Amino acid sequence: MPLNSATRRLPVWAVYLLGVLPFVWLVVQLFTGQLGVDPVKAIEHALGLYGLYFLVGGLAITPARKFLGLNLIKYRRAIGVLSFFYVATHLAVWLVLDIQLRWGEIWDDILKRPYITIGMLSFLALLPLALTSNNASVRKLGSQAWRNLHKLTYVAVPLGAVHYIMIVKGWQIEPLLWLGAILVLLFLRRFR
């Protein structure tokens, strides 16, 4: 496939560089006053969406190889790390800028608001994946144990989509489409 030969020449660092551009754009929008009356909420939501986009992109790599012949496996770790970066900064903005580290309020929200509970569960499922996304962890855990651990993706990503569905106001189709895409990708990953 001609596209595969083109992607083989793209270095992994370029994926990281391209992956941080949405973050840089958010910073530019913040300092130029383009984020509306509540910039903290705008940043928080945008970071969460970027995290979801990268998570879905990571899920799509195996089906793209299986069904389209497009081999992007070389970039899967970079996409996973970028997705965790956006999810972690989404959480950090909520903790630091939105709730301002009022721990009592944070724990109350986690326990009483199902969309926050689900978002935290998704983050906690992603945390060991981020911590073990390096060659040393693969060697230490062993290839099979590392692969099994990284199946937490199949829990974290749908939970992230459910978090998105629950957080939007009113009936909106976009979050449901993302959940549908995730379920299709998970099915395709298992499809032989």
Protein backbone atom coordinates (compact mmCIF):
# COMPACT_ATOMS: atom_id res chain seq x y z
CA MET A 1 0.00 0.00 0.00
CA PRO A 2 1.55 3.35 -1.04
CA LEU A 3 0.28 5.07 2.09
CA ASN A 4 2.18 2.57 4.26
CA SER A 5 5.49 3.46 2.60
CA ALA A 6 4.75 7.15 3.21
CA THR A 7 3.87 6.61 6.87
CA ARG A 8 6.97 4.48 7.41
CA ARG A 9 9.07 7.55 6.67
CA LEU A 10 7.20 9.71 9.20
CA PRO A 11 9.18 9.63 12.46
CA VAL A 12 7.33 8.97 15.71
CA TRP A 13 8.48 12.30 17.15
CA ALA A 14 6.49 14.03 14.40
CA VAL A 15 3.31 12.38 15.72
CA TYR A 16 4.07 13.78 19.17
CA LEU A 17 4.71 17.19 17.67
CA LEU A 18 1.48 17.15 15.67
CA GLY A 19 -0.35 15.75 18.69
CA VAL A 20 0.44 18.72 20.92
CA LEU A 21 -0.75 21.27 18.36
CA PRO A 22 -4.35 21.25 19.70
CA PHE A 23 -2.96 22.05 23.16
CA VAL A 24 -0.86 24.89 21.75
CA TRP A 25 -3.94 26.20 19.90
CA LEU A 26 -5.91 26.18 23.17
CA VAL A 27 -3.17 28.22 24.85
CA VAL A 28 -3.22 30.72 21.96
CA GLN A 29 -7.01 30.98 22.22
CA LEU A 30 -6.75 31.51 25.97
CA PHE A 31 -4.27 34.37 25.67
CA THR A 32 -6.18 36.02 22.82
CA GLY A 33 -9.52 35.90 24.64
CA GLN A 34 -11.21 33.51 22.20
CA LEU A 35 -12.58 31.01 24.74
CA GLY A 36 -15.74 32.86 25.73
CA VAL A 37 -17.04 33.92 29.12
CA ASP A 38 -15.86 30.77 30.94
CA PRO A 39 -12.42 29.91 29.55
CA VAL A 40 -11.75 27.30 32.26
CA LYS A 41 -14.81 25.27 31.21
CA ALA A 42 -13.91 25.72 27.54
CA ILE A 43 -10.37 24.42 28.15
CA GLU A 44 -11.61 21.59 30.36
CA HIS A 45 -14.11 20.39 27.76
CA ALA A 46 -11.71 20.79 24.82
CA LEU A 47 -8.99 18.79 26.57
CA GLY A 48 -11.47 16.02 27.36
CA LEU A 49 -12.58 15.88 23.74
CA TYR A 50 -9.00 15.79 22.45
CA GLY A 51 -8.32 12.94 24.87
CA LEU A 52 -11.32 11.05 23.51
CA TYR A 53 -10.26 11.69 19.91
CA PHE A 54 -6.79 10.28 20.55
CA LEU A 55 -8.22 7.29 22.45
CA VAL A 56 -10.48 6.48 19.52
CA GLY A 57 -7.55 6.98 17.15
CA GLY A 58 -5.55 4.46 19.14
CA LEU A 59 -8.42 1.96 19.01
CA ALA A 60 -8.71 2.41 15.25
CA ILE A 61 -5.12 1.34 14.51
CA THR A 62 -5.68 -2.43 14.64
CA PRO A 63 -8.93 -2.41 12.58
CA ALA A 64 -7.26 -0.10 10.04
CA ARG A 65 -4.48 -2.66 9.63
CA LYS A 66 -6.83 -5.65 9.53
CA PHE A 67 -9.43 -4.27 7.16
CA LEU A 68 -7.71 -1.50 5.20
CA GLY A 69 -4.12 -2.74 5.15
CA LEU A 70 -3.00 0.56 6.70
CA ASN A 71 -0.17 -0.13 9.15
CA LEU A 72 0.16 2.57 11.82
CA ILE A 73 1.27 0.27 14.66
CA LYS A 74 4.53 2.22 14.93
CA TYR A 75 2.53 5.23 16.16
CA ARG A 76 0.19 3.48 18.61
CA ARG A 77 2.29 4.23 21.69
CA ALA A 78 2.61 7.91 20.73
CA ILE A 79 -1.14 8.17 20.21
CA GLY A 80 -1.75 6.44 23.55
CA VAL A 81 0.64 8.76 25.38
CA LEU A 82 -0.98 11.79 23.73
CA SER A 83 -4.44 10.57 24.71
CA PHE A 84 -3.31 10.20 28.32
CA PHE A 85 -1.73 13.66 28.21
CA TYR A 86 -5.04 15.20 27.17
CA VAL A 87 -7.10 13.17 29.64
CA ALA A 88 -4.68 13.99 32.49
CA THR A 89 -4.67 17.71 31.65
CA HIS A 90 -8.48 17.59 31.42
CA LEU A 91 -8.53 16.18 34.95
CA ALA A 92 -5.88 18.65 36.15
CA VAL A 93 -7.88 21.63 34.84
CA TRP A 94 -10.97 20.34 36.66
CA LEU A 95 -9.02 19.77 39.91
CA VAL A 96 -6.89 22.92 39.92
CA LEU A 97 -8.70 25.61 37.95
CA ASP A 98 -12.35 24.57 38.26
CA ILE A 99 -12.61 23.07 41.76
CA GLN A 100 -9.40 24.79 42.99
CA LEU A 101 -8.20 21.75 44.94
CA ARG A 102 -11.07 21.87 47.43
CA TRP A 103 -10.65 18.20 48.31
CA GLY A 104 -13.91 17.86 50.23
CA GLU A 105 -15.85 19.13 47.23
CA ILE A 106 -13.79 16.92 44.89
CA TRP A 107 -14.59 13.76 46.88
CA ASP A 108 -18.26 14.75 47.14
CA ASP A 109 -18.42 15.24 43.37
CA ILE A 110 -16.69 11.93 42.67
CA LEU A 111 -19.09 10.07 44.95
CA LYS A 112 -22.32 11.91 44.14
CA ARG A 113 -22.08 12.75 40.44
CA PRO A 114 -22.13 9.63 38.25
CA TYR A 115 -20.50 11.35 35.26
CA ILE A 116 -17.53 12.33 37.43
CA THR A 117 -17.37 8.84 38.97
CA ILE A 118 -17.27 7.30 35.49
CA GLY A 119 -14.68 9.82 34.30
CA MET A 120 -12.47 9.01 37.27
CA LEU A 121 -12.82 5.27 36.64
CA SER A 122 -11.77 5.83 33.04
CA PHE A 123 -8.76 7.86 34.18
CA LEU A 124 -7.78 5.20 36.74
CA ALA A 125 -7.96 2.53 34.03
CA LEU A 126 -5.69 4.64 31.79
CA LEU A 127 -3.13 5.38 34.52
CA PRO A 128 -1.39 1.96 34.55
CA LEU A 129 -1.32 2.04 30.75
CA ALA A 130 0.47 5.37 30.75
CA LEU A 131 2.89 4.26 33.45
CA THR A 132 3.82 1.12 31.51
CA SER A 133 4.02 2.66 28.02
CA ASN A 134 7.75 2.24 27.80
CA ASN A 135 10.16 -0.48 26.74
CA ALA A 136 11.43 -1.07 30.28
CA SER A 137 7.92 -1.99 31.44
CA VAL A 138 7.44 -4.38 28.55
CA ARG A 139 10.70 -6.13 29.50
CA LYS A 140 9.89 -6.17 33.22
CA LEU A 141 6.27 -7.37 32.88
CA GLY A 142 6.88 -9.66 29.95
CA SER A 143 5.19 -9.28 26.61
CA GLN A 144 2.03 -11.27 27.43
CA ALA A 145 1.41 -9.65 30.84
CA TRP A 146 2.00 -6.22 29.31
CA ARG A 147 -0.53 -6.96 26.53
CA ASN A 148 -3.06 -8.20 29.08
CA LEU A 149 -2.63 -5.07 31.19
CA HIS A 150 -3.15 -2.88 28.15
CA LYS A 151 -6.53 -4.50 27.56
CA LEU A 152 -7.72 -1.99 30.16
CA THR A 153 -8.08 0.23 27.10
CA TYR A 154 -11.25 -1.73 26.32
CA VAL A 155 -12.71 -0.51 29.61
CA ALA A 156 -11.26 3.00 29.75
CA VAL A 157 -12.30 4.19 26.30
CA PRO A 158 -16.01 3.27 26.51
CA LEU A 159 -16.13 4.75 30.02
CA GLY A 160 -14.68 7.97 28.60
CA ALA A 161 -17.44 8.04 25.99
CA VAL A 162 -20.12 7.42 28.63
CA HIS A 163 -18.60 10.26 30.68
CA TYR A 164 -18.95 12.49 27.61
CA ILE A 165 -22.57 11.43 27.04
CA MET A 166 -23.47 12.18 30.65
CA ILE A 167 -21.70 15.54 30.81
CA VAL A 168 -23.38 17.21 27.83
CA LYS A 169 -26.52 19.20 28.42
CA GLY A 170 -29.69 17.92 26.80
CA TRP A 171 -30.02 15.31 24.08
CA GLN A 172 -27.05 15.50 21.73
CA ILE A 173 -26.16 13.04 19.01
CA GLU A 174 -22.36 13.62 18.85
CA PRO A 175 -21.49 11.84 22.13
CA LEU A 176 -23.67 8.90 21.11
CA LEU A 177 -21.90 8.71 17.76
CA TRP A 178 -18.54 8.57 19.54
CA LEU A 179 -19.75 5.75 21.79
CA GLY A 180 -21.10 3.94 18.72
CA ALA A 181 -17.77 4.34 16.91
CA ILE A 182 -15.94 2.98 19.96
CA LEU A 183 -18.21 -0.05 20.19
CA VAL A 184 -17.77 -0.74 16.47
CA LEU A 185 -13.97 -0.45 16.79
CA LEU A 186 -13.97 -2.79 19.79
CA PHE A 187 -16.05 -5.28 17.84
CA LEU A 188 -13.75 -5.02 14.82
CA ARG A 189 -10.69 -5.60 17.01
CA ARG A 190 -12.23 -8.93 18.12
CA PHE A 191 -13.54 -9.84 14.66
CA ARG A 192 -11.53 -12.54 12.94
